[in-house]
Amino acid sequence: MKNNPVYNNNAKSNNNKNSFNGGLRLGANNNNVSLPSKNTVNVNNVKVNVNDVPNEVEKQENNVRNMIKNLNTERRKLQNKITKELNLIPNNNGVFKERTGLTKGRIGLWARELRSAETLEDLKAIENKLNEKMVLRRNIENKYTKAGLTKVEKMNHRRKVVKWLNNAKKRREEIEMQVKNKQSNSNNNNKNSVISNYNSNANNNPNRAKKMKYKSRENFVEAKKNELRELAKKTSTNFGRNINRMQTRQDVFKLRGRIKGAIRRDEGLSKLAKN
C-alpha cells in the first residue's frame, strides 16, 4: 500500500524563492545570469572601464604638456634667430657686423608676434617672413648694389626692410624698379626716367630739375665735396675729415656754413692782428 504524500506548505514556499511573478529572481543560484560590472560605464554606447579613466586622463595631460613644451622650445629658438639677425647691421661696404649700443637685442614688434603665436604653424609663418627679409637684406648689399643701387637708396631700404610691418615683396619690387630705371636711363640716356628717390618727378619740380645733371644724390654729394675742399683752403681749420664723411644734401649745407664761418673768423682775427 502506497503512502500518500503529505502536503508541505514550506516546500512550496522554498521552491518559489527563486521566482518572482513567474520569473526568476536574480540570486546566487542563478549562475547563467551575468550582472553588469561596477567598473564599466556606457559612454556614447561604448563600454569604458572606469579603472582605465585615470590612465587616459594622465595620458592626455602628458600630451598637452609635451605640446606646450615643444611650442615654447620652438618659440625660444625662433626668438634667438630673430635677435641674431636684427642685431646685424651692414656697413657701407655691405659687410654685416653686430649692433652695439642701447638698441642691441631689441626686436620690436617681432616680440609681440612671438608671444601671440599659439601653434607651430604660427611660428613657421613668422620664420618664413624672417627668411624672406634676410634674403632681401643680403640682395640689397650685393645683387642690387652691383646693379646700381646708390648708398642713399640703400640706407632707406636698410632701415625699413627688417621691420615687422614692412612688406618684403613690395620693397623688392620697389628696389627692382629703381634698378631697372637706372639701367634704362643708362642705355637710352632718357632724362625723364626715374633714377632714384632723389630725382623722381624732377621735371615737374623746377627746384629739383636743376639737380638732374648729377643723376643721383651720391653724385651730387661727391661733386659738392670737391667744392667744399676748395672753399676750406681759405681757412686754417682742417675740415678734411668732415668733408669725407658727408652723405646727404643736408650735410653739404651744414658744412658749407661751418666753413664760411671759419673763414669769417680767420679774417676777423687777421684784422685784429694787424691793428
Protein backbone atom coordinates (compact mmCIF):
# COMPACT_ATOMS: atom_id res chain seq x y z
CA MET A 1 0.00 0.00 0.00
CA LYS A 2 1.41 3.29 -1.01
CA ASN A 3 1.75 6.06 1.45
CA ASN A 4 0.01 9.25 0.39
CA PRO A 5 2.34 12.19 0.13
CA VAL A 6 1.96 14.73 2.80
CA TYR A 7 1.31 18.32 1.71
CA ASN A 8 4.15 20.52 2.86
CA ASN A 9 3.49 24.25 2.59
CA ASN A 10 7.13 25.07 3.36
CA ALA A 11 8.28 23.02 0.43
CA LYS A 12 6.17 25.09 -1.96
CA SER A 13 7.49 28.23 -0.41
CA ASN A 14 11.09 27.08 -0.77
CA ASN A 15 10.60 26.15 -4.38
CA ASN A 16 9.33 29.63 -5.19
CA LYS A 17 12.18 31.54 -3.52
CA ASN A 18 13.88 31.98 -6.80
CA SER A 19 10.74 33.06 -8.65
CA PHE A 20 9.16 36.48 -8.85
CA ASN A 21 5.84 36.94 -10.63
CA GLY A 22 6.50 33.90 -12.69
CA GLY A 23 10.15 34.89 -13.42
CA LEU A 24 13.49 34.06 -11.94
CA ARG A 25 14.92 36.09 -9.13
CA LEU A 26 18.50 37.29 -9.56
CA GLY A 27 20.42 35.47 -6.92
CA ALA A 28 23.47 33.40 -6.15
CA ASN A 29 21.88 30.22 -7.53
CA ASN A 30 21.27 31.75 -10.98
CA ASN A 31 24.70 31.09 -12.46
CA ASN A 32 23.60 31.73 -16.05
CA VAL A 33 22.60 35.39 -15.41
CA SER A 34 25.50 37.97 -15.84
CA LEU A 35 25.46 41.15 -13.82
CA PRO A 36 26.89 44.45 -15.18
CA SER A 37 30.37 45.20 -13.81
CA LYS A 38 30.65 48.04 -11.33
CA ASN A 39 33.82 49.20 -13.19
CA THR A 40 32.12 49.57 -16.56
CA VAL A 41 30.15 52.56 -17.77
CA ASN A 42 28.37 53.16 -21.04
CA VAL A 43 29.63 56.30 -22.82
CA ASN A 44 28.05 57.01 -26.18
CA ASN A 45 27.07 53.33 -26.46
CA VAL A 46 30.72 52.35 -25.87
CA LYS A 47 31.68 50.45 -22.74
CA VAL A 48 34.55 52.10 -20.91
CA ASN A 49 36.38 50.58 -18.00
CA VAL A 50 36.38 53.01 -15.10
CA ASN A 51 39.75 51.73 -13.98
CA ASP A 52 41.28 52.93 -17.28
CA VAL A 53 39.94 56.51 -16.98
CA PRO A 54 42.74 57.88 -14.76
CA ASN A 55 45.33 56.46 -17.14
CA GLU A 56 43.61 58.07 -20.13
CA VAL A 57 43.39 61.43 -18.38
CA GLU A 58 47.03 61.28 -17.37
CA LYS A 59 47.99 60.34 -20.93
CA GLN A 60 46.09 63.33 -22.34
CA GLU A 61 47.64 65.67 -19.76
CA ASN A 62 51.10 64.44 -20.69
CA ASN A 63 50.35 65.03 -24.35
CA VAL A 64 49.23 68.60 -23.63
CA ARG A 65 52.32 69.26 -21.51
CA ASN A 66 54.58 67.92 -24.25
CA MET A 67 52.84 70.08 -26.86
CA ILE A 68 53.28 73.21 -24.73
CA LYS A 69 56.90 72.33 -24.01
CA ASN A 70 57.62 71.78 -27.69
CA LEU A 71 55.90 75.05 -28.65
CA ASN A 72 57.91 77.05 -26.10
CA THR A 73 61.14 75.40 -27.24
CA GLU A 74 60.49 76.33 -30.86
CA ARG A 75 59.47 79.84 -29.77
CA ARG A 76 62.80 80.35 -27.98
CA LYS A 77 64.75 79.06 -30.97
CA LEU A 78 62.96 81.46 -33.31
CA GLN A 79 63.43 84.36 -30.88
CA ASN A 80 67.18 83.73 -30.83
CA LYS A 81 67.24 83.61 -34.63
CA ILE A 82 65.33 86.90 -34.93
CA THR A 83 67.51 88.62 -32.34
CA LYS A 84 70.69 87.47 -34.07
CA GLU A 85 69.51 88.70 -37.48
CA LEU A 86 68.23 92.08 -36.28
CA ASN A 87 71.45 92.70 -34.35
CA LEU A 88 73.42 92.52 -37.60
CA ILE A 89 73.82 95.81 -39.47
CA PRO A 90 75.68 96.32 -42.77
CA ASN A 91 78.39 98.93 -43.22
CA ASN A 92 78.98 100.93 -46.39
CA ASN A 93 80.86 98.01 -47.90
CA GLY A 94 77.94 95.63 -47.36
CA VAL A 95 79.65 93.69 -44.55
CA PHE A 96 77.31 92.72 -41.69
CA LYS A 97 78.54 93.43 -38.17
CA GLU A 98 76.94 93.08 -34.75
CA ARG A 99 74.96 96.03 -33.47
CA THR A 100 76.18 97.87 -30.37
CA GLY A 101 74.60 100.37 -28.01
CA LEU A 102 71.16 100.67 -26.44
CA THR A 103 69.33 99.11 -29.39
CA LYS A 104 71.23 95.83 -29.18
CA GLY A 105 68.92 92.89 -28.52
CA ARG A 106 65.69 94.73 -29.34
CA ILE A 107 63.39 93.12 -31.88
CA GLY A 108 60.39 95.46 -31.79
CA LEU A 109 57.05 94.07 -32.95
CA TRP A 110 58.60 90.68 -33.62
CA ALA A 111 58.42 90.03 -29.85
CA ARG A 112 54.67 90.72 -29.84
CA GLU A 113 54.09 88.29 -32.70
CA LEU A 114 56.11 85.60 -30.94
CA ARG A 115 54.07 85.96 -27.77
CA SER A 116 50.78 85.74 -29.65
CA ALA A 117 51.76 82.59 -31.59
CA GLU A 118 49.66 79.65 -30.36
CA THR A 119 50.70 76.86 -32.72
CA LEU A 120 53.78 75.60 -34.52
CA GLU A 121 52.17 76.77 -37.76
CA ASP A 122 52.07 80.34 -36.39
CA LEU A 123 55.78 80.16 -35.57
CA LYS A 124 56.52 78.76 -39.01
CA ALA A 125 54.73 81.69 -40.65
CA ILE A 126 56.86 84.14 -38.60
CA GLU A 127 60.05 82.31 -39.56
CA ASN A 128 59.13 82.35 -43.25
CA LYS A 129 58.64 86.10 -43.08
CA LEU A 130 62.03 86.50 -41.39
CA ASN A 131 63.75 84.32 -44.01
CA GLU A 132 62.25 86.42 -46.80
CA LYS A 133 63.61 89.59 -45.23
CA MET A 134 67.03 88.02 -44.62
CA VAL A 135 67.39 87.16 -48.30
CA LEU A 136 66.31 90.65 -49.36
CA ARG A 137 68.77 92.32 -46.94
CA ARG A 138 71.69 90.48 -48.50
CA ASN A 139 70.44 91.14 -52.01
CA ILE A 140 70.41 94.86 -51.25
CA GLU A 141 74.06 94.78 -50.17
CA ASN A 142 75.26 92.61 -53.05
CA LYS A 143 72.99 91.93 -56.02
CA TYR A 144 71.21 95.29 -56.18
CA THR A 145 74.30 97.30 -55.25
CA LYS A 146 76.12 95.84 -58.24
CA ALA A 147 73.09 96.70 -60.37
CA GLY A 148 73.44 100.40 -59.48
CA LEU A 149 71.61 100.99 -56.20
CA THR A 150 73.17 104.06 -54.53
CA LYS A 151 74.28 104.39 -50.91
CA VAL A 152 71.45 106.78 -50.08
CA GLU A 153 68.87 104.42 -51.56
CA LYS A 154 70.38 101.51 -49.66
CA MET A 155 70.18 103.45 -46.39
CA ASN A 156 66.46 103.97 -46.90
CA HIS A 157 65.85 100.28 -47.58
CA ARG A 158 68.10 99.09 -44.75
CA ARG A 159 66.07 100.91 -42.13
CA LYS A 160 62.73 99.50 -43.29
CA VAL A 161 63.33 96.01 -44.62
CA VAL A 162 63.67 94.30 -41.22
CA LYS A 163 60.60 95.94 -39.67
CA TRP A 164 57.72 93.54 -39.00
CA LEU A 165 55.07 95.68 -40.72
CA ASN A 166 57.15 96.25 -43.86
CA ASN A 167 56.12 94.14 -46.85
CA ALA A 168 59.27 92.49 -48.21
CA LYS A 169 57.64 91.62 -51.54
CA LYS A 170 56.61 95.22 -52.26
CA ARG A 171 60.01 96.52 -51.15
CA ARG A 172 61.75 94.15 -53.53
CA GLU A 173 59.51 95.37 -56.35
CA GLU A 174 60.40 98.97 -55.49
CA ILE A 175 64.13 98.22 -55.50
CA GLU A 176 63.93 96.36 -58.79
CA MET A 177 62.04 99.29 -60.30
CA GLN A 178 64.81 101.68 -59.19
CA VAL A 179 67.48 99.42 -60.65
CA LYS A 180 65.51 98.96 -63.88
CA ASN A 181 65.10 102.71 -64.29
CA LYS A 182 68.84 103.23 -63.80
CA GLN A 183 69.65 100.69 -66.49
CA SER A 184 67.06 102.19 -68.81
CA ASN A 185 68.49 105.65 -68.26
CA SER A 186 71.99 104.42 -68.93
CA ASN A 187 71.03 102.71 -72.18
CA ASN A 188 68.62 105.30 -73.56
CA ASN A 189 70.00 108.46 -71.94
CA ASN A 190 66.43 109.36 -71.06
CA LYS A 191 66.35 112.24 -68.57
CA ASN A 192 62.69 111.65 -67.83
CA SER A 193 63.38 108.27 -66.26
CA VAL A 194 63.02 107.89 -62.55
CA ILE A 195 66.62 107.43 -61.43
CA SER A 196 66.12 107.35 -57.67
CA ASN A 197 64.03 108.82 -54.87
CA TYR A 198 66.29 111.85 -55.06
CA ASN A 199 65.38 112.99 -58.57
CA SER A 200 62.00 111.32 -59.20
CA ASN A 201 59.43 113.65 -60.78
CA ALA A 202 62.14 116.27 -61.11
CA ASN A 203 60.74 117.54 -64.41
CA ASN A 204 57.61 118.66 -62.56
CA ASN A 205 59.63 120.49 -59.91
CA PRO A 206 61.80 123.41 -61.11
CA ASN A 207 63.96 123.35 -57.97
CA ARG A 208 64.76 119.69 -58.28
CA ALA A 209 65.15 119.80 -62.05
CA LYS A 210 68.39 121.71 -61.55
CA LYS A 211 69.89 118.67 -59.88
CA MET A 212 69.16 116.30 -62.76
CA LYS A 213 72.69 116.80 -64.06
CA TYR A 214 74.04 114.87 -61.08
CA LYS A 215 71.92 111.79 -61.91
CA SER A 216 71.85 110.73 -58.26
CA ARG A 217 72.22 112.13 -54.78
CA GLU A 218 75.52 110.32 -54.40
CA ASN A 219 76.99 112.11 -57.41
CA PHE A 220 75.66 115.40 -56.06
CA VAL A 221 77.41 114.90 -52.72
CA GLU A 222 80.68 113.88 -54.39
CA ALA A 223 80.62 117.00 -56.56
CA LYS A 224 79.99 119.22 -53.53
CA LYS A 225 82.87 117.60 -51.66
CA ASN A 226 85.28 118.96 -54.25
CA GLU A 227 83.73 122.42 -53.98
CA LEU A 228 84.00 122.45 -50.21
CA ARG A 229 87.62 121.28 -50.31
CA GLU A 230 88.47 124.34 -52.41
CA LEU A 231 86.47 126.56 -50.06
CA ALA A 232 88.18 125.08 -46.98
CA LYS A 233 91.59 126.17 -48.29
CA LYS A 234 90.69 129.75 -47.33
CA THR A 235 90.70 128.86 -43.62
CA SER A 236 93.31 127.42 -41.28
CA THR A 237 90.78 124.96 -39.81
CA ASN A 238 91.05 121.43 -41.14
CA PHE A 239 87.68 120.24 -42.48
CA GLY A 240 89.03 117.28 -44.49
CA ARG A 241 87.56 114.59 -42.26
CA ASN A 242 84.14 116.28 -42.13
CA ILE A 243 84.05 116.63 -45.91
CA ASN A 244 84.87 112.95 -46.45
CA ARG A 245 82.04 111.87 -44.12
CA MET A 246 79.29 113.80 -45.92
CA GLN A 247 76.43 111.65 -47.25
CA THR A 248 73.38 113.89 -47.73
CA ARG A 249 72.50 117.32 -49.10
CA GLN A 250 71.81 118.47 -45.56
CA ASP A 251 75.37 117.56 -44.61
CA VAL A 252 76.62 119.67 -47.52
CA PHE A 253 74.65 122.77 -46.48
CA LYS A 254 75.63 122.47 -42.81
CA LEU A 255 79.32 122.02 -43.54
CA ARG A 256 79.38 124.87 -46.04
CA GLY A 257 78.00 127.15 -43.31
CA ARG A 258 80.67 125.99 -40.86
CA ILE A 259 83.47 126.55 -43.39
CA LYS A 260 82.23 130.04 -44.23
CA GLY A 261 82.00 130.83 -40.52
CA ALA A 262 85.60 129.68 -40.03
CA ILE A 263 86.70 131.88 -42.94
CA ARG A 264 84.99 134.94 -41.42
CA ARG A 265 86.53 134.16 -38.04
CA ASP A 266 90.02 133.91 -39.54
CA GLU A 267 89.52 137.17 -41.40
CA GLY A 268 88.44 138.89 -38.17
CA LEU A 269 91.44 137.57 -36.28
CA SER A 270 93.70 138.68 -39.08
CA LYS A 271 92.33 142.24 -38.92
CA LEU A 272 92.78 142.35 -35.14
CA ALA A 273 96.40 141.20 -35.50
CA LYS A 274 97.13 143.99 -37.96
CA ASN A 275 95.70 146.59 -35.60
